[in-house]
Amino acid sequence: MQKFHVKRGDDVVVIAGSHKGKSGKILEILPSKQRARVEGVAMIKRHVKKSQENPNGAIVEREGSVHLSNLMLKATFDSSKKRAAKSA
């Protein structure tokens, strides 16, 4: 089993990629792909078939995944030198 620098429930910041600068809480870790679902980041649209929950079907928006190498713990990000230099 692999060990990662983040876990479910951690507050993280995206430090690279198209969602750079966004932050949120980790909802799920996908260890086989080394990716994570982050609340409010990488939103994608999915078409849902008719069911009891959606009697007419629907287009549902939910979180996509972000590679773990593009994530940093929010506490570490806030205390880093880059963040301190940027705000000054």
C-alpha atoms as a PDB file:
ATOM      1  CA  MET A   1       0.000   0.000   0.000  1.00  0.00           C
ATOM      2  CA  GLN A   2       1.302   3.414  -0.968  1.00  0.00           C
ATOM      3  CA  LYS A   3       1.710   6.277   1.455  1.00  0.00           C
ATOM      4  CA  PHE A   4       0.762   9.778   0.326  1.00  0.00           C
ATOM      5  CA  HIS A   5       1.480  13.242   1.749  1.00  0.00           C
ATOM      6  CA  VAL A   6      -2.271  14.007   1.990  1.00  0.00           C
ATOM      7  CA  LYS A   7      -5.299  12.094   3.236  1.00  0.00           C
ATOM      8  CA  ARG A   8      -9.080  12.343   3.090  1.00  0.00           C
ATOM      9  CA  GLY A   9     -10.378  15.375   4.970  1.00  0.00           C
ATOM     10  CA  ASP A  10      -7.189  17.467   4.616  1.00  0.00           C
ATOM     11  CA  ASP A  11      -7.435  21.063   3.391  1.00  0.00           C
ATOM     12  CA  VAL A  12      -5.243  21.422   0.307  1.00  0.00           C
ATOM     13  CA  VAL A  13      -4.228  23.986  -2.325  1.00  0.00           C
ATOM     14  CA  VAL A  14      -3.664  23.182  -6.002  1.00  0.00           C
ATOM     15  CA  ILE A  15      -0.142  24.406  -6.821  1.00  0.00           C
ATOM     16  CA  ALA A  16       0.081  23.448 -10.518  1.00  0.00           C
ATOM     17  CA  GLY A  17      -2.090  22.804 -13.538  1.00  0.00           C
ATOM     18  CA  SER A  18      -5.242  24.415 -14.866  1.00  0.00           C
ATOM     19  CA  HIS A  19      -6.794  24.695 -11.378  1.00  0.00           C
ATOM     20  CA  LYS A  20      -3.780  26.387  -9.790  1.00  0.00           C
ATOM     21  CA  GLY A  21      -4.634  28.523  -6.748  1.00  0.00           C
ATOM     22  CA  LYS A  22      -7.927  26.804  -5.904  1.00  0.00           C
ATOM     23  CA  SER A  23      -8.313  25.156  -2.518  1.00  0.00           C
ATOM     24  CA  GLY A  24     -10.675  22.733  -0.839  1.00  0.00           C
ATOM     25  CA  LYS A  25     -11.051  19.617   1.262  1.00  0.00           C
ATOM     26  CA  ILE A  26     -10.081  16.174  -0.043  1.00  0.00           C
ATOM     27  CA  LEU A  27     -13.199  14.059  -0.546  1.00  0.00           C
ATOM     28  CA  GLU A  28     -11.547  10.884  -1.837  1.00  0.00           C
ATOM     29  CA  ILE A  29      -8.114   9.491  -2.705  1.00  0.00           C
ATOM     30  CA  LEU A  30      -7.735   7.278  -5.802  1.00  0.00           C
ATOM     31  CA  PRO A  31      -4.504   5.376  -4.996  1.00  0.00           C
ATOM     32  CA  SER A  32      -4.389   3.328  -8.207  1.00  0.00           C
ATOM     33  CA  LYS A  33      -4.210   6.511 -10.302  1.00  0.00           C
ATOM     34  CA  GLN A  34      -2.410   8.657  -7.668  1.00  0.00           C
ATOM     35  CA  ARG A  35      -5.193  11.222  -7.866  1.00  0.00           C
ATOM     36  CA  ALA A  36      -7.623  12.872  -5.449  1.00  0.00           C
ATOM     37  CA  ARG A  37     -11.077  14.456  -5.631  1.00  0.00           C
ATOM     38  CA  VAL A  38     -11.014  17.930  -4.067  1.00  0.00           C
ATOM     39  CA  GLU A  39     -14.187  19.743  -3.035  1.00  0.00           C
ATOM     40  CA  GLY A  40     -15.050  22.458  -5.580  1.00  0.00           C
ATOM     41  CA  VAL A  41     -12.010  21.845  -7.811  1.00  0.00           C
ATOM     42  CA  ALA A  42     -11.962  20.386 -11.360  1.00  0.00           C
ATOM     43  CA  MET A  43     -15.745  20.378 -11.730  1.00  0.00           C
ATOM     44  CA  ILE A  44     -17.028  18.186 -14.583  1.00  0.00           C
ATOM     45  CA  LYS A  45     -20.509  17.569 -15.973  1.00  0.00           C
ATOM     46  CA  ARG A  46     -21.990  14.088 -16.141  1.00  0.00           C
ATOM     47  CA  HIS A  47     -25.215  13.031 -17.868  1.00  0.00           C
ATOM     48  CA  VAL A  48     -27.363  10.875 -15.570  1.00  0.00           C
ATOM     49  CA  LYS A  49     -29.940   8.393 -16.810  1.00  0.00           C
ATOM     50  CA  LYS A  50     -33.538   8.426 -15.603  1.00  0.00           C
ATOM     51  CA  SER A  51     -33.896   6.940 -12.126  1.00  0.00           C
ATOM     52  CA  GLN A  52     -35.902   7.382  -8.941  1.00  0.00           C
ATOM     53  CA  GLU A  53     -33.611  10.221  -7.869  1.00  0.00           C
ATOM     54  CA  ASN A  54     -33.771  11.933 -11.282  1.00  0.00           C
ATOM     55  CA  PRO A  55     -37.090  10.999 -12.927  1.00  0.00           C
ATOM     56  CA  ASN A  56     -36.287  12.976 -16.099  1.00  0.00           C
ATOM     57  CA  GLY A  57     -32.535  12.409 -16.104  1.00  0.00           C
ATOM     58  CA  ALA A  58     -30.185  15.313 -15.499  1.00  0.00           C
ATOM     59  CA  ILE A  59     -26.811  16.885 -16.145  1.00  0.00           C
ATOM     60  CA  VAL A  60     -24.994  16.684 -12.819  1.00  0.00           C
ATOM     61  CA  GLU A  61     -21.884  18.675 -11.983  1.00  0.00           C
ATOM     62  CA  ARG A  62     -19.344  16.960  -9.718  1.00  0.00           C
ATOM     63  CA  GLU A  63     -15.660  16.960  -8.857  1.00  0.00           C
ATOM     64  CA  GLY A  64     -13.094  15.495 -11.199  1.00  0.00           C
ATOM     65  CA  SER A  65      -9.708  14.349  -9.958  1.00  0.00           C
ATOM     66  CA  VAL A  66      -6.391  16.177  -9.546  1.00  0.00           C
ATOM     67  CA  HIS A  67      -2.994  14.472  -9.505  1.00  0.00           C
ATOM     68  CA  LEU A  68      -1.476  14.259  -6.014  1.00  0.00           C
ATOM     69  CA  SER A  69       1.749  15.919  -7.168  1.00  0.00           C
ATOM     70  CA  ASN A  70      -0.264  19.092  -7.864  1.00  0.00           C
ATOM     71  CA  LEU A  71      -1.583  19.306  -4.281  1.00  0.00           C
ATOM     72  CA  MET A  72      -0.046  20.829  -1.147  1.00  0.00           C
ATOM     73  CA  LEU A  73      -1.384  20.971   2.387  1.00  0.00           C
ATOM     74  CA  LYS A  74      -2.936  24.379   3.070  1.00  0.00           C
ATOM     75  CA  ALA A  75      -0.977  24.828   6.322  1.00  0.00           C
ATOM     76  CA  THR A  76       2.314  24.197   4.520  1.00  0.00           C
ATOM     77  CA  PHE A  77       1.319  26.499   1.652  1.00  0.00           C
ATOM     78  CA  ASP A  78       0.353  29.346   3.998  1.00  0.00           C
ATOM     79  CA  SER A  79       3.614  29.107   5.952  1.00  0.00           C
ATOM     80  CA  SER A  80       5.873  28.863   2.879  1.00  0.00           C
ATOM     81  CA  LYS A  81       8.298  31.630   1.920  1.00  0.00           C
ATOM     82  CA  LYS A  82       6.650  32.113  -1.487  1.00  0.00           C
ATOM     83  CA  ARG A  83       3.284  32.836   0.123  1.00  0.00           C
ATOM     84  CA  ALA A  84       4.833  35.269   2.637  1.00  0.00           C
ATOM     85  CA  ALA A  85       6.723  37.141  -0.105  1.00  0.00           C
ATOM     86  CA  LYS A  86       3.617  37.392  -2.278  1.00  0.00           C
ATOM     87  CA  SER A  87       1.452  38.991   0.434  1.00  0.00           C
ATOM     88  CA  ALA A  88       4.125  41.541   1.466  1.00  0.00           C
END
